[in-house]
């Protein structure tokens, strides 16, 4: 069935092995394998994951629930709302937290279930997404956390580049380490994990700038696409094309390139900006904007140009090719493209 996304598990596993070796060389022994882009596809997650990761990480409780029978420990990557807390305790071993009321409620629920739930307390170092702001007065709150009977504060972490685009650096990662050292000294506790971010931190590898106490990362795009996300550079010896979208041509005809008649809004409420390129051979494939943002697709055949599309149709200029009706056209995808395609019920997932 088409459209379908082909998942090359061999390439992904080779990327994971390379990533683990890189982390070891940079003195980072612990990893959370972030699988949220796979949208809870258990077959794919089983195929690529091993038990030598500290956690499998996902942002959605629904996906962690699907993973409940997998042997790996699970980490919830998005701070939960109050209606999710019972499921957080049930389906995750560790969660990222920053709100005291949420942590207190998690403790109550964990106590009722006779479970000790781990948390990684998040700090905002300036990217302005989640976390306790770095210069706030937080030690009294942490003192209350360590006194909770069913919450285990295993460490602290941060997120960088995800919202504000703030790059990981020697300075802000040292800031995180300083926060950890200060907490440990003032409260006489030990923090086992200092989580220094995500795939963007890979950009600092082999530069001797990552502080020694940074011992954990949460990596997704780094192993899925073999790229660091601070500058978008490809990582040596890693695959960028482990995911390929295959579509079939459902119409292929010679047509003008510019619409005929008065132009108003299209089906997405936009006034289209269309360039007149004369007569062209136009192919339509059966995928559209409800499945993926079209700009996140890259035709494998460089002679093909994406013209546009609607909710269910993608229009291509194939004038320079020999493609015909029912032929398969393949696309490489980027990370946001993968996220949308994996979440579309209309795209078949094939694992090889």
Protein backbone atom coordinates (compact mmCIF):
# COMPACT_ATOMS: atom_id res chain seq x y z
CA UNK A 1 0.00 0.00 0.00
CA UNK A 2 1.12 3.53 -0.76
CA UNK A 3 2.11 5.98 0.56
CA UNK A 4 4.52 4.19 2.85
CA UNK A 5 7.60 5.04 4.83
CA UNK A 6 10.48 2.58 4.71
CA UNK A 7 12.42 2.33 7.98
CA UNK A 8 15.92 0.92 7.54
CA UNK A 9 16.58 -0.57 10.99
CA UNK A 10 20.10 -1.69 10.03
CA UNK A 11 21.17 1.88 9.32
CA UNK A 12 19.55 3.12 12.53
CA UNK A 13 21.29 0.46 14.62
CA UNK A 14 24.62 1.35 13.01
CA UNK A 15 23.96 5.00 13.90
CA UNK A 16 23.17 4.01 17.49
CA UNK A 17 26.40 2.03 17.79
CA UNK A 18 28.40 4.95 16.45
CA UNK A 19 26.62 7.31 18.84
CA UNK A 20 27.40 5.12 21.85
CA UNK A 21 31.07 5.01 20.91
CA UNK A 22 31.14 8.80 20.51
CA UNK A 23 29.51 9.30 23.91
CA UNK A 24 31.98 6.97 25.59
CA UNK A 25 34.91 8.87 24.08
CA UNK A 26 33.41 12.07 25.46
CA UNK A 27 32.93 10.61 28.96
CA UNK A 28 29.13 10.39 28.76
CA UNK A 29 28.19 6.88 29.95
CA UNK A 30 24.40 7.21 30.16
CA UNK A 31 21.92 7.73 27.34
CA UNK A 32 18.18 8.00 26.95
CA UNK A 33 17.17 6.76 23.50
CA UNK A 34 14.45 9.21 22.47
CA UNK A 35 11.88 7.38 20.34
CA UNK A 36 9.10 9.97 20.19
CA UNK A 37 9.56 10.48 16.43
CA UNK A 38 8.57 6.83 15.93
CA UNK A 39 5.09 7.65 17.31
CA UNK A 40 4.79 4.55 19.46
CA UNK A 41 5.49 2.09 16.64
CA UNK A 42 6.42 -0.87 18.83
CA UNK A 43 7.79 -2.98 15.98
CA UNK A 44 10.29 -0.26 15.06
CA UNK A 45 11.23 0.46 18.67
CA UNK A 46 11.80 -3.23 19.40
CA UNK A 47 13.95 -3.55 16.30
CA UNK A 48 16.36 -0.73 17.15
CA UNK A 49 16.53 -0.63 20.94
CA UNK A 50 18.76 -2.63 23.26
CA UNK A 51 18.87 -2.91 27.03
CA UNK A 52 22.13 -0.98 27.46
CA UNK A 53 20.34 2.38 27.40
CA UNK A 54 19.37 3.96 30.69
CA UNK A 55 15.86 4.75 29.41
CA UNK A 56 13.63 4.79 26.36
CA UNK A 57 12.23 8.31 26.20
CA UNK A 58 8.94 9.62 24.81
CA UNK A 59 6.84 12.74 25.32
CA UNK A 60 3.47 11.01 25.16
CA UNK A 61 1.95 8.85 27.87
CA UNK A 62 0.01 7.00 25.16
CA UNK A 63 3.26 5.83 23.58
CA UNK A 64 4.82 4.83 26.90
CA UNK A 65 1.71 2.75 27.54
CA UNK A 66 2.32 0.91 24.26
CA UNK A 67 5.89 0.24 25.43
CA UNK A 68 4.90 -1.12 28.85
CA UNK A 69 5.98 -4.69 28.04
CA UNK A 70 9.41 -3.73 26.71
CA UNK A 71 12.22 -4.53 29.18
CA UNK A 72 13.85 -1.09 29.10
CA UNK A 73 13.05 1.55 31.69
CA UNK A 74 10.89 4.41 30.37
CA UNK A 75 11.33 8.18 30.69
CA UNK A 76 8.53 10.70 30.16
CA UNK A 77 10.13 13.67 28.42
CA UNK A 78 7.28 16.18 28.59
CA UNK A 79 6.15 17.57 31.94
CA UNK A 80 2.73 15.99 32.64
CA UNK A 81 -0.55 17.71 33.35
CA UNK A 82 -2.52 16.85 36.50
CA UNK A 83 -4.88 14.46 34.70
CA UNK A 84 -1.96 12.31 33.50
CA UNK A 85 -0.23 11.74 36.83
CA UNK A 86 -1.62 8.28 37.62
CA UNK A 87 -0.48 7.10 34.20
CA UNK A 88 2.92 8.74 34.69
CA UNK A 89 3.48 6.57 37.74
CA UNK A 90 2.11 3.49 36.02
CA UNK A 91 3.86 3.71 32.66
CA UNK A 92 7.11 5.61 33.27
CA UNK A 93 10.02 4.92 35.60
CA UNK A 94 11.30 8.48 35.44
CA UNK A 95 9.83 11.82 34.39
CA UNK A 96 11.17 15.31 33.76
CA UNK A 97 9.67 17.72 36.28
CA UNK A 98 9.83 21.39 37.29
CA UNK A 99 6.58 22.16 39.18
CA UNK A 100 6.40 21.52 42.92
CA UNK A 101 2.64 20.90 42.98
CA UNK A 102 3.05 18.26 40.29
CA UNK A 103 5.90 16.57 42.17
CA UNK A 104 3.91 16.51 45.43
CA UNK A 105 0.92 14.97 43.65
CA UNK A 106 3.15 12.38 41.97
CA UNK A 107 4.44 11.44 45.41
CA UNK A 108 0.89 10.93 46.70
CA UNK A 109 -0.06 8.72 43.77
CA UNK A 110 3.21 6.76 43.90
CA UNK A 111 2.67 6.15 47.62
CA UNK A 112 -0.78 4.69 46.94
CA UNK A 113 0.70 2.41 44.29
CA UNK A 114 3.67 1.49 46.51
CA UNK A 115 6.11 2.75 43.88
CA UNK A 116 9.16 4.97 44.11
CA UNK A 117 9.13 7.23 41.05
CA UNK A 118 12.32 8.81 39.74
CA UNK A 119 12.43 12.42 38.60
CA UNK A 120 14.97 14.51 36.73
CA UNK A 121 14.52 18.11 37.89
CA UNK A 122 14.76 20.42 34.91
CA UNK A 123 16.53 23.79 34.92
CA UNK A 124 16.04 26.55 32.36
CA UNK A 125 19.45 27.97 31.46
CA UNK A 126 18.03 30.58 29.09
CA UNK A 127 16.33 28.72 26.23
CA UNK A 128 13.02 29.55 27.94
CA UNK A 129 11.24 26.29 27.52
CA UNK A 130 10.63 24.12 30.62
CA UNK A 131 12.56 24.19 33.86
CA UNK A 132 13.28 26.10 37.05
CA UNK A 133 14.89 29.37 36.03
CA UNK A 134 18.59 29.17 36.84
CA UNK A 135 18.80 32.26 39.07
CA UNK A 136 15.63 31.62 41.10
CA UNK A 137 15.54 30.59 44.77
CA UNK A 138 15.00 26.85 44.42
CA UNK A 139 16.90 25.13 47.25
CA UNK A 140 14.01 25.21 49.72
CA UNK A 141 11.85 23.42 47.16
CA UNK A 142 14.51 20.81 46.54
CA UNK A 143 14.82 20.26 50.27
CA UNK A 144 11.10 19.39 50.30
CA UNK A 145 11.55 17.06 47.32
CA UNK A 146 14.29 15.00 48.95
CA UNK A 147 12.07 14.48 51.99
CA UNK A 148 9.31 12.87 49.90
CA UNK A 149 9.01 9.14 50.54
CA UNK A 150 8.05 7.99 47.04
CA UNK A 151 10.00 10.40 44.83
CA UNK A 152 13.63 9.73 44.02
CA UNK A 153 15.48 12.82 42.77
CA UNK A 154 18.07 11.13 40.56
CA UNK A 155 19.52 14.28 39.05
CA UNK A 156 19.01 17.52 37.18
CA UNK A 157 18.88 18.35 33.50
CA UNK A 158 18.33 21.03 30.92
CA UNK A 159 16.99 21.50 27.42
CA UNK A 160 18.76 23.71 24.89
CA UNK A 161 17.95 24.71 21.28
CA UNK A 162 14.41 23.28 21.49
CA UNK A 163 12.55 26.61 21.71
CA UNK A 164 14.81 29.63 21.89
CA UNK A 165 17.63 28.12 19.84
CA UNK A 166 20.15 28.72 22.64
CA UNK A 167 23.21 26.65 21.83
CA UNK A 168 24.87 24.33 24.34
CA UNK A 169 28.21 25.74 25.41
CA UNK A 170 30.96 25.32 27.95
CA UNK A 171 29.46 28.21 29.93
CA UNK A 172 25.85 27.06 30.19
CA UNK A 173 26.77 23.42 30.80
CA UNK A 174 29.17 24.54 33.54
CA UNK A 175 26.25 26.51 34.94
CA UNK A 176 24.25 23.28 35.16
CA UNK A 177 27.15 21.54 36.91
CA UNK A 178 27.50 24.47 39.33
CA UNK A 179 23.80 24.16 40.18
CA UNK A 180 24.27 20.43 40.86
CA UNK A 181 27.33 21.01 43.01
CA UNK A 182 25.57 23.72 45.01
CA UNK A 183 22.51 21.51 45.60
CA UNK A 184 24.65 18.60 46.73
CA UNK A 185 26.73 20.71 49.08
CA UNK A 186 23.90 22.61 50.71
CA UNK A 187 21.50 19.65 51.06
CA UNK A 188 24.08 16.90 51.61
CA UNK A 189 22.72 14.71 48.80
CA UNK A 190 24.15 13.02 45.72
CA UNK A 191 22.78 13.65 42.22
CA UNK A 192 23.58 10.67 40.03
CA UNK A 193 22.63 12.18 36.67
CA UNK A 194 23.54 15.54 35.20
CA UNK A 195 21.69 15.54 31.90
CA UNK A 196 23.29 17.97 29.48
CA UNK A 197 20.61 18.17 26.83
CA UNK A 198 19.82 16.55 23.52
CA UNK A 199 21.28 15.99 20.04
CA UNK A 200 22.51 19.58 19.93
CA UNK A 201 25.14 18.78 22.57
CA UNK A 202 26.81 16.41 20.09
CA UNK A 203 28.20 19.54 18.41
CA UNK A 204 30.53 19.94 21.42
CA UNK A 205 32.01 16.46 21.18
CA UNK A 206 35.81 16.17 20.89
CA UNK A 207 36.36 19.81 21.88
CA UNK A 208 37.19 19.22 25.56
CA UNK A 209 34.50 21.70 26.61
CA UNK A 210 31.79 19.41 28.05
CA UNK A 211 32.21 19.40 31.84
CA UNK A 212 33.21 16.06 33.33
CA UNK A 213 30.06 15.86 35.47
CA UNK A 214 27.77 15.91 32.43
CA UNK A 215 27.08 12.18 32.25
CA UNK A 216 23.74 11.83 30.44
CA UNK A 217 22.13 12.95 27.18
CA UNK A 218 18.68 12.43 25.67
CA UNK A 219 19.24 11.69 21.97
CA UNK A 220 16.71 11.33 19.16
CA UNK A 221 17.56 13.08 15.91
CA UNK A 222 21.25 12.34 16.45
CA UNK A 223 20.80 8.61 15.85
CA UNK A 224 17.73 8.74 13.61
CA UNK A 225 19.32 11.07 11.04
CA UNK A 226 22.99 11.09 11.98
CA UNK A 227 23.12 14.84 12.59
CA UNK A 228 23.71 17.19 15.46
CA UNK A 229 20.97 19.75 15.92
CA UNK A 230 22.92 22.82 17.03
CA UNK A 231 24.11 23.60 13.50
CA UNK A 232 22.45 20.80 11.53
CA UNK A 233 25.73 19.20 10.47
CA UNK A 234 25.97 15.59 9.40
CA UNK A 235 27.97 13.38 11.78
CA UNK A 236 30.85 11.43 10.26
CA UNK A 237 30.19 7.73 9.66
CA UNK A 238 26.46 7.99 10.33
CA UNK A 239 23.52 7.50 7.97
CA UNK A 240 21.19 10.37 7.07
CA UNK A 241 18.76 8.32 4.95
CA UNK A 242 17.38 5.63 7.24
CA UNK A 243 13.83 6.79 6.40
CA UNK A 244 12.45 6.98 2.85
CA UNK A 245 8.90 7.90 1.82
CA UNK A 246 7.52 6.01 -1.18
CA UNK A 247 4.52 7.32 -3.11
CA UNK A 248 2.73 6.29 -6.31
CA UNK A 249 1.79 8.54 -9.20
CA UNK A 250 -2.01 8.71 -9.44
CA UNK A 251 -2.11 11.22 -12.32
CA UNK A 252 0.51 12.33 -14.86
CA UNK A 253 -0.46 14.92 -17.53
CA UNK A 254 0.76 17.89 -19.56
CA UNK A 255 -0.83 21.04 -18.09
CA UNK A 256 -0.18 24.76 -17.78
CA UNK A 257 1.78 25.75 -14.69
CA UNK A 258 -0.41 28.77 -13.92
CA UNK A 259 -4.09 28.49 -12.91
CA UNK A 260 -6.74 29.82 -15.31
CA UNK A 261 -9.27 32.22 -13.79
CA UNK A 262 -9.52 34.56 -10.81
CA UNK A 263 -7.44 33.36 -7.85
CA UNK A 264 -8.77 33.33 -4.28
CA UNK A 265 -8.02 31.23 -1.22
CA UNK A 266 -7.02 27.60 -1.56
CA UNK A 267 -8.29 24.75 0.65
CA UNK A 268 -6.00 25.82 3.50
CA UNK A 269 -7.17 29.44 3.48
CA UNK A 270 -4.04 30.68 1.73
CA UNK A 271 -3.70 32.92 -1.32
CA UNK A 272 -1.36 30.82 -3.48
CA UNK A 273 1.74 32.43 -4.94
CA UNK A 274 2.24 30.50 -8.18
CA UNK A 275 4.92 31.14 -10.79
CA UNK A 276 4.08 30.74 -14.48
CA UNK A 277 6.63 28.25 -15.86
CA UNK A 278 4.73 27.45 -19.01
CA UNK A 279 3.46 24.00 -19.97
CA UNK A 280 4.86 21.23 -17.81
CA UNK A 281 4.37 17.52 -17.21
CA UNK A 282 2.77 17.37 -13.79
CA UNK A 283 2.52 14.28 -11.63
CA UNK A 284 0.25 13.90 -8.61
CA UNK A 285 1.11 11.45 -5.82
CA UNK A 286 -1.34 10.40 -3.14
CA UNK A 287 -0.06 12.20 -0.05
CA UNK A 288 -0.76 15.68 1.20
CA UNK A 289 -0.64 18.34 3.87
CA UNK A 290 -2.65 16.34 6.39
CA UNK A 291 0.20 13.80 6.38
CA UNK A 292 3.29 16.00 6.20
CA UNK A 293 4.45 19.58 5.68
CA UNK A 294 5.46 19.45 2.05
CA UNK A 295 8.65 21.46 2.59
CA UNK A 296 9.97 18.58 4.71
CA UNK A 297 10.11 16.23 1.71
CA UNK A 298 13.14 16.03 -0.60
CA UNK A 299 12.71 14.10 -3.88
CA UNK A 300 15.42 11.46 -4.32
CA UNK A 301 15.45 12.27 -8.04
CA UNK A 302 16.90 15.77 -8.22
CA UNK A 303 15.15 16.38 -11.55
CA UNK A 304 11.79 16.48 -9.73
CA UNK A 305 10.44 19.74 -8.28
CA UNK A 306 7.69 19.95 -5.69
CA UNK A 307 5.11 22.44 -7.01
CA UNK A 308 2.61 22.34 -4.15
CA UNK A 309 -0.32 20.37 -2.91
CA UNK A 310 -3.55 20.11 -0.99
CA UNK A 311 -4.65 17.95 1.94
CA UNK A 312 -4.42 14.69 -0.04
CA UNK A 313 -2.42 15.54 -3.18
CA UNK A 314 1.22 16.40 -3.80
CA UNK A 315 1.89 18.01 -7.19
CA UNK A 316 5.28 17.53 -8.84
CA UNK A 317 7.00 18.85 -11.94
CA UNK A 318 8.38 15.73 -13.63
CA UNK A 319 9.04 17.36 -17.02
CA UNK A 320 12.72 16.39 -16.98
CA UNK A 321 12.02 12.72 -16.19
CA UNK A 322 10.37 9.67 -17.72
CA UNK A 323 8.02 8.99 -14.78
CA UNK A 324 4.58 7.70 -15.77
CA UNK A 325 1.27 6.80 -14.13
CA UNK A 326 1.65 4.24 -11.29
CA UNK A 327 5.40 4.71 -11.01
CA UNK A 328 6.87 5.02 -7.50
CA UNK A 329 8.47 8.32 -6.50
CA UNK A 330 10.71 8.31 -3.42
CA UNK A 331 11.48 11.13 -1.01
CA UNK A 332 14.00 11.62 1.75
CA UNK A 333 12.55 13.25 4.85
CA UNK A 334 13.90 15.39 7.67
CA UNK A 335 13.12 15.05 11.38
CA UNK A 336 9.86 17.08 11.44
CA UNK A 337 8.79 15.28 8.27
CA UNK A 338 9.37 11.93 9.98
CA UNK A 339 7.36 13.02 13.03
CA UNK A 340 4.33 13.89 10.90
CA UNK A 341 4.55 10.84 8.65
CA UNK A 342 4.88 8.42 11.57
CA UNK A 343 1.84 10.00 13.20
CA UNK A 344 -0.28 9.78 10.05
CA UNK A 345 -2.66 6.83 10.03
CA UNK A 346 -2.71 7.06 6.23
CA UNK A 347 1.00 6.27 5.76
CA UNK A 348 2.02 2.60 6.00
CA UNK A 349 5.14 1.87 8.02
CA UNK A 350 7.53 -0.76 6.62
CA UNK A 351 10.46 -1.89 8.77
CA UNK A 352 13.41 -3.52 7.04
